[in-house]
Amino acid sequence: MLKEIRIAGFGGQGVILSAHITGRAVALHENGYATMTQNYGPEARGGAASAALVISDQPVLFPYVANPDILVVLSQEAFTRFTPEVKEGGTLLVEEDLVHMENLPQHLKVYSIPATRIAEELGKKMVLNVVMVGFFCSITGAVSYDACLAAVKDCVPAKFLDLNIKAFDRGFQFGQELLVKGTKPEADTESEAILESAN
């Protein structure tokens, strides 16, 4: 089944690596197909960064994403720019400490996680992207746990392997806990988007 995914934030958050891990999980560890395109702002660190993935169990004929099924946002700018593009009934995953959500489209399923805080608790803010990969894997089911974990092991430096495995597992577990709780309508009467948070 074909899925279009966009991951967006700013340089230094590991946006491109998170997309690479996800695509590798599908292509090498699930015998599927994946394409990735990426875009950087004027500065490598601190500027806007985004990556688009198309994953499928069939060869991907068109690698570009205009209206993703799944959007992962790690910055306010990314939220503002890309949220309107998500398909009807699509899924939005949000770094809740860096993004203020307002004027959400009614049709979205929205899940949030304090990925930066979790990464800091683990001792390295830099692993927030792997926390988000675990969260993505858990919430969407687009890629299996085993395939994603194998791809994390493939892609991170050996000296940080244990840390990244912990980050992945924390993100995955956070997602599982949200799913067990079930989805609830957001309190904001201006939006009827489905919002989950473990606050």
N, C-alpha and C. Protein backbone atom coordinates (compact mmCIF):
# COMPACT_ATOMS: atom_id res chain seq x y z
N MET A 1 0.84 -1.20 0.00
CA MET A 1 0.00 0.00 0.00
C MET A 1 0.87 1.24 0.00
N LEU A 2 0.62 2.16 -0.90
CA LEU A 2 1.45 3.35 -1.04
C LEU A 2 1.10 4.39 0.03
N LYS A 3 2.15 4.95 0.64
CA LYS A 3 1.99 6.02 1.62
C LYS A 3 2.95 7.15 1.27
N GLU A 4 2.43 8.37 1.32
CA GLU A 4 3.26 9.55 1.11
C GLU A 4 3.48 10.23 2.46
N ILE A 5 4.73 10.55 2.76
CA ILE A 5 5.11 11.05 4.09
C ILE A 5 6.00 12.27 3.93
N ARG A 6 5.76 13.27 4.75
CA ARG A 6 6.69 14.40 4.82
C ARG A 6 7.13 14.58 6.27
N ILE A 7 8.43 14.79 6.46
CA ILE A 7 9.02 15.09 7.76
C ILE A 7 9.68 16.46 7.64
N ALA A 8 9.34 17.38 8.53
CA ALA A 8 9.83 18.74 8.37
C ALA A 8 10.15 19.38 9.71
N GLY A 9 11.17 20.21 9.71
CA GLY A 9 11.59 20.94 10.90
C GLY A 9 12.64 21.95 10.50
N PHE A 10 13.71 22.03 11.29
CA PHE A 10 14.81 22.92 10.91
C PHE A 10 16.13 22.17 10.99
N GLY A 11 17.14 22.71 10.33
CA GLY A 11 18.45 22.08 10.28
C GLY A 11 19.01 21.85 11.67
N GLY A 12 19.61 20.69 11.87
CA GLY A 12 20.17 20.35 13.17
C GLY A 12 19.29 19.41 13.96
N GLN A 13 18.05 19.19 13.52
CA GLN A 13 17.14 18.29 14.23
C GLN A 13 17.22 16.86 13.72
N GLY A 14 17.96 16.63 12.67
CA GLY A 14 18.06 15.27 12.14
C GLY A 14 16.88 14.87 11.28
N VAL A 15 16.24 15.84 10.64
CA VAL A 15 15.07 15.57 9.79
C VAL A 15 15.42 14.59 8.67
N ILE A 16 16.52 14.86 7.98
CA ILE A 16 16.88 14.03 6.84
C ILE A 16 17.24 12.62 7.28
N LEU A 17 17.95 12.50 8.39
CA LEU A 17 18.31 11.17 8.89
C LEU A 17 17.07 10.38 9.27
N SER A 18 16.09 11.02 9.88
CA SER A 18 14.87 10.30 10.27
C SER A 18 14.15 9.76 9.04
N ALA A 19 14.14 10.55 7.96
CA ALA A 19 13.53 10.07 6.72
C ALA A 19 14.34 8.93 6.12
N HIS A 20 15.65 9.06 6.19
CA HIS A 20 16.53 8.01 5.65
C HIS A 20 16.32 6.69 6.41
N ILE A 21 16.22 6.77 7.72
CA ILE A 21 15.97 5.57 8.53
C ILE A 21 14.66 4.91 8.12
N THR A 22 13.62 5.72 7.98
CA THR A 22 12.30 5.18 7.64
C THR A 22 12.30 4.54 6.26
N GLY A 23 12.90 5.22 5.29
CA GLY A 23 12.97 4.65 3.94
C GLY A 23 13.80 3.38 3.89
N ARG A 24 14.90 3.38 4.61
CA ARG A 24 15.75 2.19 4.66
C ARG A 24 15.01 1.01 5.30
N ALA A 25 14.24 1.30 6.33
CA ALA A 25 13.46 0.24 6.98
C ALA A 25 12.55 -0.46 5.99
N VAL A 26 11.89 0.32 5.15
CA VAL A 26 10.96 -0.25 4.17
C VAL A 26 11.71 -1.00 3.07
N ALA A 27 12.73 -0.33 2.50
CA ALA A 27 13.39 -0.87 1.31
C ALA A 27 14.29 -2.07 1.62
N LEU A 28 14.97 -2.05 2.76
CA LEU A 28 15.93 -3.11 3.05
C LEU A 28 15.45 -4.15 4.05
N HIS A 29 14.54 -3.74 4.92
CA HIS A 29 14.14 -4.66 6.00
C HIS A 29 12.70 -5.14 5.89
N GLU A 30 11.96 -4.61 4.92
CA GLU A 30 10.60 -5.11 4.67
C GLU A 30 10.42 -5.53 3.22
N ASN A 31 11.52 -5.48 2.44
CA ASN A 31 11.46 -5.84 1.02
C ASN A 31 10.43 -5.03 0.26
N GLY A 32 10.26 -3.77 0.67
CA GLY A 32 9.36 -2.87 -0.02
C GLY A 32 10.14 -1.90 -0.90
N TYR A 33 9.49 -0.78 -1.21
CA TYR A 33 10.09 0.23 -2.08
C TYR A 33 9.96 1.58 -1.40
N ALA A 34 10.99 2.41 -1.57
CA ALA A 34 10.95 3.75 -0.96
C ALA A 34 11.77 4.72 -1.80
N THR A 35 11.26 5.94 -1.91
CA THR A 35 12.02 7.02 -2.51
C THR A 35 12.05 8.18 -1.52
N MET A 36 13.11 8.98 -1.58
CA MET A 36 13.22 10.12 -0.69
C MET A 36 13.74 11.32 -1.45
N THR A 37 13.10 12.46 -1.25
CA THR A 37 13.62 13.74 -1.73
C THR A 37 13.78 14.64 -0.52
N GLN A 38 14.69 15.60 -0.61
CA GLN A 38 14.95 16.45 0.54
C GLN A 38 15.15 17.90 0.12
N ASN A 39 14.92 18.78 1.08
CA ASN A 39 15.04 20.20 0.80
C ASN A 39 15.59 20.91 2.03
N TYR A 40 16.59 21.75 1.81
CA TYR A 40 17.18 22.54 2.88
C TYR A 40 16.90 24.02 2.64
N GLY A 41 16.81 24.77 3.74
CA GLY A 41 16.73 26.22 3.64
C GLY A 41 18.10 26.79 3.36
N PRO A 42 18.25 28.12 3.44
CA PRO A 42 19.52 28.76 3.10
C PRO A 42 20.66 28.41 4.04
N GLU A 43 20.35 27.90 5.24
CA GLU A 43 21.38 27.51 6.18
C GLU A 43 21.21 26.05 6.54
N ALA A 44 22.32 25.32 6.57
CA ALA A 44 22.23 23.90 6.87
C ALA A 44 21.74 23.67 8.30
N ARG A 45 22.18 24.50 9.23
CA ARG A 45 21.77 24.35 10.62
C ARG A 45 20.95 25.57 11.02
N GLY A 46 19.72 25.34 11.43
CA GLY A 46 18.86 26.43 11.83
C GLY A 46 17.88 26.86 10.76
N GLY A 47 18.19 26.59 9.48
CA GLY A 47 17.25 26.90 8.42
C GLY A 47 16.23 25.79 8.27
N ALA A 48 15.22 26.03 7.44
CA ALA A 48 14.17 25.04 7.23
C ALA A 48 14.75 23.79 6.57
N ALA A 49 14.23 22.64 6.97
CA ALA A 49 14.63 21.37 6.37
C ALA A 49 13.41 20.47 6.27
N SER A 50 13.28 19.77 5.17
CA SER A 50 12.19 18.82 5.03
C SER A 50 12.62 17.67 4.13
N ALA A 51 11.98 16.54 4.33
CA ALA A 51 12.22 15.36 3.50
C ALA A 51 10.88 14.74 3.18
N ALA A 52 10.75 14.27 1.96
CA ALA A 52 9.52 13.62 1.52
C ALA A 52 9.82 12.17 1.16
N LEU A 53 8.99 11.27 1.65
CA LEU A 53 9.14 9.84 1.41
C LEU A 53 7.90 9.30 0.72
N VAL A 54 8.12 8.42 -0.22
CA VAL A 54 7.03 7.61 -0.76
C VAL A 54 7.41 6.16 -0.50
N ILE A 55 6.58 5.45 0.24
CA ILE A 55 6.85 4.04 0.54
C ILE A 55 5.71 3.18 0.01
N SER A 56 6.05 1.98 -0.43
CA SER A 56 5.03 1.14 -1.07
C SER A 56 5.50 -0.31 -1.11
N ASP A 57 4.55 -1.20 -1.31
CA ASP A 57 4.90 -2.60 -1.56
C ASP A 57 5.06 -2.87 -3.05
N GLN A 58 4.91 -1.82 -3.85
CA GLN A 58 5.11 -1.88 -5.30
C GLN A 58 6.12 -0.82 -5.71
N PRO A 59 6.78 -0.96 -6.86
CA PRO A 59 7.73 0.06 -7.30
C PRO A 59 7.07 1.45 -7.31
N VAL A 60 7.82 2.44 -6.87
CA VAL A 60 7.33 3.81 -6.80
C VAL A 60 7.61 4.49 -8.14
N LEU A 61 6.56 4.96 -8.79
CA LEU A 61 6.71 5.53 -10.12
C LEU A 61 6.90 7.04 -10.09
N PHE A 62 6.48 7.69 -8.99
CA PHE A 62 6.61 9.15 -8.90
C PHE A 62 7.10 9.49 -7.50
N PRO A 63 8.29 10.07 -7.37
CA PRO A 63 8.91 10.21 -6.05
C PRO A 63 8.54 11.46 -5.26
N TYR A 64 7.74 12.34 -5.85
CA TYR A 64 7.48 13.62 -5.19
C TYR A 64 6.17 13.61 -4.42
N VAL A 65 6.15 14.33 -3.30
CA VAL A 65 4.99 14.38 -2.42
C VAL A 65 4.39 15.77 -2.43
N ALA A 66 3.12 15.87 -2.79
CA ALA A 66 2.42 17.15 -2.75
C ALA A 66 1.44 17.18 -1.58
N ASN A 67 0.73 16.07 -1.39
CA ASN A 67 -0.29 15.97 -0.33
C ASN A 67 -0.06 14.70 0.46
N PRO A 68 0.75 14.79 1.52
CA PRO A 68 1.13 13.59 2.26
C PRO A 68 -0.04 12.96 3.02
N ASP A 69 0.06 11.64 3.18
CA ASP A 69 -0.85 10.93 4.07
C ASP A 69 -0.46 11.17 5.53
N ILE A 70 0.85 11.32 5.75
CA ILE A 70 1.40 11.50 7.09
C ILE A 70 2.36 12.67 7.08
N LEU A 71 2.19 13.58 8.03
CA LEU A 71 3.09 14.72 8.18
C LEU A 71 3.67 14.69 9.59
N VAL A 72 4.99 14.79 9.67
CA VAL A 72 5.70 14.87 10.96
C VAL A 72 6.33 16.26 11.03
N VAL A 73 5.96 17.05 12.05
CA VAL A 73 6.48 18.41 12.14
C VAL A 73 7.25 18.61 13.44
N LEU A 74 8.43 19.23 13.31
CA LEU A 74 9.31 19.47 14.43
C LEU A 74 9.56 20.96 14.67
N SER A 75 8.84 21.81 13.97
CA SER A 75 9.00 23.26 14.16
C SER A 75 7.70 23.97 13.82
N GLN A 76 7.56 25.18 14.33
CA GLN A 76 6.36 25.97 14.05
C GLN A 76 6.25 26.30 12.57
N GLU A 77 7.37 26.65 11.96
CA GLU A 77 7.36 26.98 10.54
C GLU A 77 6.88 25.80 9.71
N ALA A 78 7.35 24.60 10.05
CA ALA A 78 6.93 23.40 9.33
C ALA A 78 5.43 23.16 9.49
N PHE A 79 4.93 23.35 10.71
CA PHE A 79 3.50 23.18 10.96
C PHE A 79 2.68 24.13 10.10
N THR A 80 3.07 25.40 10.11
CA THR A 80 2.33 26.42 9.37
C THR A 80 2.37 26.17 7.87
N ARG A 81 3.52 25.78 7.38
CA ARG A 81 3.71 25.62 5.94
C ARG A 81 3.06 24.36 5.38
N PHE A 82 3.21 23.24 6.09
CA PHE A 82 2.85 21.96 5.48
C PHE A 82 1.52 21.37 5.94
N THR A 83 1.00 21.78 7.08
CA THR A 83 -0.25 21.18 7.56
C THR A 83 -1.40 21.30 6.55
N PRO A 84 -1.56 22.45 5.87
CA PRO A 84 -2.67 22.54 4.91
C PRO A 84 -2.57 21.55 3.75
N GLU A 85 -1.40 20.95 3.55
CA GLU A 85 -1.21 20.05 2.42
C GLU A 85 -1.62 18.60 2.71
N VAL A 86 -1.84 18.27 3.99
CA VAL A 86 -2.10 16.88 4.35
C VAL A 86 -3.44 16.42 3.76
N LYS A 87 -3.47 15.21 3.28
CA LYS A 87 -4.67 14.66 2.66
C LYS A 87 -5.84 14.58 3.65
N GLU A 88 -7.02 14.59 3.13
CA GLU A 88 -8.24 14.38 3.92
C GLU A 88 -8.11 13.07 4.71
N GLY A 89 -8.31 13.16 6.02
CA GLY A 89 -8.19 11.98 6.86
C GLY A 89 -6.77 11.60 7.21
N GLY A 90 -5.80 12.47 6.87
CA GLY A 90 -4.40 12.17 7.10
C GLY A 90 -4.01 12.29 8.57
N THR A 91 -2.76 11.95 8.83
CA THR A 91 -2.22 11.91 10.19
C THR A 91 -1.13 12.96 10.36
N LEU A 92 -1.21 13.70 11.46
CA LEU A 92 -0.22 14.72 11.79
C LEU A 92 0.46 14.35 13.10
N LEU A 93 1.78 14.23 13.08
CA LEU A 93 2.57 13.95 14.28
C LEU A 93 3.37 15.20 14.62
N VAL A 94 3.30 15.62 15.88
CA VAL A 94 3.81 16.94 16.25
C VAL A 94 4.76 16.85 17.44
N GLU A 95 5.87 17.60 17.37
CA GLU A 95 6.74 17.80 18.53
C GLU A 95 6.06 18.87 19.37
N GLU A 96 5.43 18.47 20.47
CA GLU A 96 4.48 19.35 21.15
C GLU A 96 5.11 20.55 21.85
N ASP A 97 6.39 20.47 22.20
CA ASP A 97 7.03 21.60 22.88
C ASP A 97 7.51 22.67 21.91
N LEU A 98 7.59 22.35 20.64
CA LEU A 98 8.09 23.29 19.65
C LEU A 98 7.03 23.81 18.71
N VAL A 99 5.83 23.26 18.82
CA VAL A 99 4.76 23.62 17.88
C VAL A 99 3.51 24.00 18.65
N HIS A 100 2.99 25.19 18.37
CA HIS A 100 1.70 25.62 18.91
C HIS A 100 0.65 25.36 17.84
N MET A 101 -0.27 24.46 18.14
CA MET A 101 -1.26 24.07 17.14
C MET A 101 -2.50 24.94 17.23
N GLU A 102 -2.88 25.51 16.11
CA GLU A 102 -4.10 26.30 16.03
C GLU A 102 -4.66 26.19 14.63
N ASN A 103 -5.95 26.42 14.51
CA ASN A 103 -6.64 26.35 13.22
C ASN A 103 -6.38 25.01 12.51
N LEU A 104 -6.48 23.94 13.27
CA LEU A 104 -6.26 22.62 12.69
C LEU A 104 -7.42 22.24 11.77
N PRO A 105 -7.11 21.70 10.60
CA PRO A 105 -8.19 21.18 9.74
C PRO A 105 -8.98 20.11 10.48
N GLN A 106 -10.27 20.08 10.27
CA GLN A 106 -11.14 19.17 11.00
C GLN A 106 -10.87 17.70 10.69
N HIS A 107 -10.31 17.43 9.52
CA HIS A 107 -10.22 16.04 9.07
C HIS A 107 -8.97 15.32 9.57
N LEU A 108 -8.06 16.00 10.25
CA LEU A 108 -6.79 15.38 10.62
C LEU A 108 -6.86 14.57 11.91
N LYS A 109 -6.07 13.51 11.96
CA LYS A 109 -5.81 12.79 13.20
C LYS A 109 -4.47 13.30 13.71
N VAL A 110 -4.44 13.87 14.90
CA VAL A 110 -3.25 14.57 15.40
C VAL A 110 -2.76 13.91 16.67
N TYR A 111 -1.47 13.62 16.72
CA TYR A 111 -0.83 13.03 17.88
C TYR A 111 0.42 13.84 18.22
N SER A 112 0.63 14.11 19.49
CA SER A 112 1.78 14.92 19.87
C SER A 112 2.64 14.21 20.89
N ILE A 113 3.93 14.56 20.89
CA ILE A 113 4.91 13.94 21.77
C ILE A 113 5.97 14.98 22.14
N PRO A 114 6.43 15.01 23.39
CA PRO A 114 7.52 15.92 23.78
C PRO A 114 8.87 15.28 23.43
N ALA A 115 9.16 15.15 22.16
CA ALA A 115 10.33 14.39 21.73
C ALA A 115 11.64 15.02 22.21
N THR A 116 11.70 16.34 22.21
CA THR A 116 12.93 17.00 22.65
C THR A 116 13.16 16.75 24.13
N ARG A 117 12.10 16.84 24.93
CA ARG A 117 12.22 16.57 26.37
C ARG A 117 12.68 15.13 26.63
N ILE A 118 12.10 14.20 25.89
CA ILE A 118 12.48 12.80 26.06
C ILE A 118 13.95 12.62 25.71
N ALA A 119 14.39 13.24 24.62
CA ALA A 119 15.80 13.15 24.21
C ALA A 119 16.71 13.74 25.27
N GLU A 120 16.30 14.86 25.84
CA GLU A 120 17.11 15.49 26.89
C GLU A 120 17.17 14.60 28.13
N GLU A 121 16.09 13.94 28.46
CA GLU A 121 16.08 13.01 29.60
C GLU A 121 17.05 11.86 29.37
N LEU A 122 17.21 11.47 28.12
CA LEU A 122 18.14 10.40 27.78
C LEU A 122 19.59 10.88 27.75
N GLY A 123 19.76 12.21 27.77
CA GLY A 123 21.12 12.76 27.86
C GLY A 123 21.64 13.41 26.60
N LYS A 124 20.93 13.32 25.47
CA LYS A 124 21.39 13.92 24.22
C LYS A 124 20.19 14.44 23.42
N LYS A 125 20.09 15.75 23.33
CA LYS A 125 19.00 16.35 22.58
C LYS A 125 19.01 15.91 21.12
N MET A 126 20.18 15.55 20.62
CA MET A 126 20.34 15.19 19.21
C MET A 126 19.53 13.96 18.80
N VAL A 127 19.08 13.14 19.76
CA VAL A 127 18.34 11.93 19.38
C VAL A 127 16.84 12.16 19.30
N LEU A 128 16.41 13.41 19.32
CA LEU A 128 14.97 13.67 19.22
C LEU A 128 14.41 13.11 17.91
N ASN A 129 15.22 13.11 16.85
CA ASN A 129 14.73 12.58 15.58
C ASN A 129 14.44 11.09 15.66
N VAL A 130 15.25 10.35 16.42
CA VAL A 130 15.03 8.91 16.56
C VAL A 130 13.84 8.65 17.48
N VAL A 131 13.64 9.51 18.47
CA VAL A 131 12.42 9.44 19.27
C VAL A 131 11.20 9.57 18.35
N MET A 132 11.27 10.52 17.42
CA MET A 132 10.15 10.73 16.49
C MET A 132 9.97 9.55 15.54
N VAL A 133 11.05 8.92 15.14
CA VAL A 133 10.93 7.73 14.28
C VAL A 133 10.18 6.63 15.03
N GLY A 134 10.53 6.42 16.30
CA GLY A 134 9.81 5.42 17.09
C GLY A 134 8.34 5.76 17.24
N PHE A 135 8.05 7.04 17.47
CA PHE A 135 6.68 7.51 17.61
C PHE A 135 5.91 7.31 16.31
N PHE A 136 6.53 7.68 15.20
CA PHE A 136 5.94 7.49 13.87
C PHE A 136 5.62 6.01 13.63
N CYS A 137 6.57 5.15 13.92
CA CYS A 137 6.39 3.71 13.72
C CYS A 137 5.22 3.19 14.55
N SER A 138 5.13 3.65 15.79
CA SER A 138 4.10 3.19 16.71
C SER A 138 2.70 3.66 16.30
N ILE A 139 2.58 4.94 16.02
CA ILE A 139 1.26 5.53 15.74
C ILE A 139 0.71 5.12 14.38
N THR A 140 1.55 5.17 13.36
CA THR A 140 1.04 4.97 12.00
C THR A 140 0.99 3.51 11.57
N GLY A 141 1.90 2.69 12.10
CA GLY A 141 1.98 1.31 11.64
C GLY A 141 2.43 1.19 10.19
N ALA A 142 2.95 2.28 9.62
CA ALA A 142 3.37 2.26 8.22
C ALA A 142 4.61 1.40 8.01
N VAL A 143 5.40 1.26 9.08
CA VAL A 143 6.61 0.44 9.04
C VAL A 143 6.63 -0.36 10.34
N SER A 144 7.10 -1.59 10.28
CA SER A 144 7.10 -2.43 11.47
C SER A 144 8.17 -2.00 12.48
N TYR A 145 7.94 -2.36 13.73
CA TYR A 145 8.91 -2.08 14.79
C TYR A 145 10.27 -2.68 14.44
N ASP A 146 10.29 -3.97 14.06
CA ASP A 146 11.55 -4.65 13.81
C ASP A 146 12.32 -4.02 12.66
N ALA A 147 11.62 -3.64 11.60
CA ALA A 147 12.29 -3.03 10.45
C ALA A 147 12.87 -1.67 10.81
N CYS A 148 12.10 -0.87 11.53
CA CYS A 148 12.59 0.45 11.94
C CYS A 148 13.79 0.33 12.88
N LEU A 149 13.71 -0.56 13.83
CA LEU A 149 14.82 -0.74 14.76
C LEU A 149 16.08 -1.20 14.02
N ALA A 150 15.93 -2.11 13.08
CA ALA A 150 17.07 -2.56 12.30
C ALA A 150 17.69 -1.40 11.51
N ALA A 151 16.85 -0.53 10.97
CA ALA A 151 17.34 0.61 10.21
C ALA A 151 18.05 1.62 11.11
N VAL A 152 17.54 1.81 12.32
CA VAL A 152 18.23 2.67 13.28
C VAL A 152 19.63 2.13 13.54
N LYS A 153 19.73 0.84 13.75
CA LYS A 153 21.04 0.22 14.00
C LYS A 153 21.98 0.38 12.81
N ASP A 154 21.41 0.37 11.60
CA ASP A 154 22.21 0.54 10.39
C ASP A 154 22.79 1.95 10.28
N CYS A 155 22.03 2.94 10.74
CA CYS A 155 22.28 4.33 10.35
C CYS A 155 23.00 5.19 11.38
N VAL A 156 23.04 4.77 12.63
CA VAL A 156 23.62 5.64 13.65
C VAL A 156 25.05 5.19 13.98
N PRO A 157 25.89 6.12 14.45
CA PRO A 157 27.26 5.75 14.81
C PRO A 157 27.28 4.71 15.93
N ALA A 158 28.24 3.82 15.86
CA ALA A 158 28.32 2.72 16.82
C ALA A 158 28.40 3.21 18.25
N LYS A 159 29.10 4.31 18.48
CA LYS A 159 29.27 4.77 19.85
C LYS A 159 27.99 5.33 20.45
N PHE A 160 27.01 5.65 19.59
CA PHE A 160 25.72 6.15 20.07
C PHE A 160 24.59 5.14 19.87
N LEU A 161 24.95 3.89 19.56
CA LEU A 161 23.93 2.90 19.23
C LEU A 161 22.97 2.66 20.39
N ASP A 162 23.48 2.42 21.57
CA ASP A 162 22.61 2.13 22.71
C ASP A 162 21.67 3.30 23.00
N LEU A 163 22.21 4.50 22.92
CA LEU A 163 21.40 5.70 23.16
C LEU A 163 20.27 5.80 22.14
N ASN A 164 20.57 5.55 20.88
CA ASN A 164 19.55 5.65 19.84
C ASN A 164 18.50 4.55 19.95
N ILE A 165 18.91 3.37 20.37
CA ILE A 165 17.93 2.30 20.60
C ILE A 165 16.98 2.70 21.71
N LYS A 166 17.52 3.27 22.79
CA LYS A 166 16.67 3.75 23.88
C LYS A 166 15.73 4.85 23.39
N ALA A 167 16.24 5.76 22.57
CA ALA A 167 15.41 6.85 22.04
C ALA A 167 14.28 6.30 21.19
N PHE A 168 14.59 5.34 20.32
CA PHE A 168 13.57 4.73 19.48
C PHE A 168 12.50 4.05 20.33
N ASP A 169 12.95 3.29 21.31
CA ASP A 169 12.00 2.57 22.16
C ASP A 169 11.12 3.52 22.98
N ARG A 170 11.70 4.63 23.45
CA ARG A 170 10.90 5.60 24.21
C ARG A 170 9.82 6.22 23.33
N GLY A 171 10.18 6.57 22.11
CA GLY A 171 9.19 7.13 21.20
C GLY A 171 8.11 6.13 20.85
N PHE A 172 8.52 4.88 20.61
CA PHE A 172 7.56 3.83 20.28
C PHE A 172 6.60 3.59 21.45
N GLN A 173 7.14 3.50 22.64
CA GLN A 173 6.31 3.24 23.82
C GLN A 173 5.34 4.38 24.08
N PHE A 174 5.81 5.61 23.88
CA PHE A 174 4.94 6.77 24.07
C PHE A 174 3.73 6.67 23.12
N GLY A 175 4.00 6.29 21.88
CA GLY A 175 2.92 6.12 20.92
C GLY A 175 1.96 5.02 21.31
N GLN A 176 2.49 3.90 21.78
CA GLN A 176 1.64 2.80 22.20
C GLN A 176 0.72 3.21 23.35
N GLU A 177 1.25 4.00 24.27
CA GLU A 177 0.43 4.46 25.40
C GLU A 177 -0.70 5.38 24.92
N LEU A 178 -0.41 6.21 23.93
CA LEU A 178 -1.48 7.06 23.38
C LEU A 178 -2.57 6.22 22.72
N LEU A 179 -2.15 5.22 21.98
CA LEU A 179 -3.12 4.38 21.27
C LEU A 179 -3.98 3.59 22.24
N VAL A 180 -3.40 3.15 23.34
CA VAL A 180 -4.17 2.44 24.36
C VAL A 180 -5.22 3.35 24.98
N LYS A 181 -4.85 4.61 25.21
CA LYS A 181 -5.79 5.58 25.77
C LYS A 181 -6.94 5.84 24.83
N GLY A 182 -6.68 5.75 23.53
CA GLY A 182 -7.70 6.07 22.54
C GLY A 182 -7.70 7.54 22.20
N THR A 183 -8.29 7.87 21.07
CA THR A 183 -8.34 9.26 20.63
C THR A 183 -9.52 9.98 21.25
N LYS A 184 -9.33 11.27 21.49
CA LYS A 184 -10.37 12.11 22.07
C LYS A 184 -10.44 13.42 21.30
N PRO A 185 -11.63 14.00 21.11
CA PRO A 185 -11.72 15.29 20.44
C PRO A 185 -10.99 16.36 21.23
N GLU A 186 -10.32 17.26 20.50
CA GLU A 186 -9.63 18.36 21.15
C GLU A 186 -10.62 19.31 21.81
N ALA A 187 -10.23 19.95 22.91
CA ALA A 187 -11.11 20.83 23.66
C ALA A 187 -11.43 22.11 22.91
N ASP A 188 -10.53 22.56 22.05
CA ASP A 188 -10.72 23.80 21.31
C ASP A 188 -11.94 23.69 20.40
N THR A 189 -12.92 24.51 20.62
CA THR A 189 -14.16 24.42 19.85
C THR A 189 -13.98 24.90 18.42
N GLU A 190 -12.88 25.59 18.13
CA GLU A 190 -12.65 26.06 16.78
C GLU A 190 -12.16 24.94 15.87
N SER A 191 -11.79 23.82 16.45
CA SER A 191 -11.31 22.71 15.66
C SER A 191 -11.83 21.40 16.24
N GLU A 192 -12.22 20.50 15.35
CA GLU A 192 -12.69 19.20 15.80
C GLU A 192 -11.68 18.12 15.44
N ALA A 193 -10.42 18.54 15.22
CA ALA A 193 -9.37 17.58 14.91
C ALA A 193 -9.20 16.63 16.07
N ILE A 194 -8.79 15.43 15.76
CA ILE A 194 -8.52 14.44 16.81
C ILE A 194 -7.12 14.68 17.32
N LEU A 195 -7.02 14.91 18.62
CA LEU A 195 -5.74 15.27 19.20
C LEU A 195 -5.43 14.36 20.36
N GLU A 196 -4.22 13.83 20.38
CA GLU A 196 -3.78 13.02 21.50
C GLU A 196 -2.53 13.63 22.10
N SER A 197 -2.47 13.70 23.40
CA SER A 197 -1.27 14.14 24.11
C SER A 197 -1.22 13.43 25.43
N ALA A 198 -0.02 13.13 25.88
CA ALA A 198 0.14 12.44 27.15
C ALA A 198 0.46 13.41 28.27
N ASN A 199 0.06 14.66 28.12
CA ASN A 199 0.29 15.64 29.18
C ASN A 199 -0.44 15.21 30.46
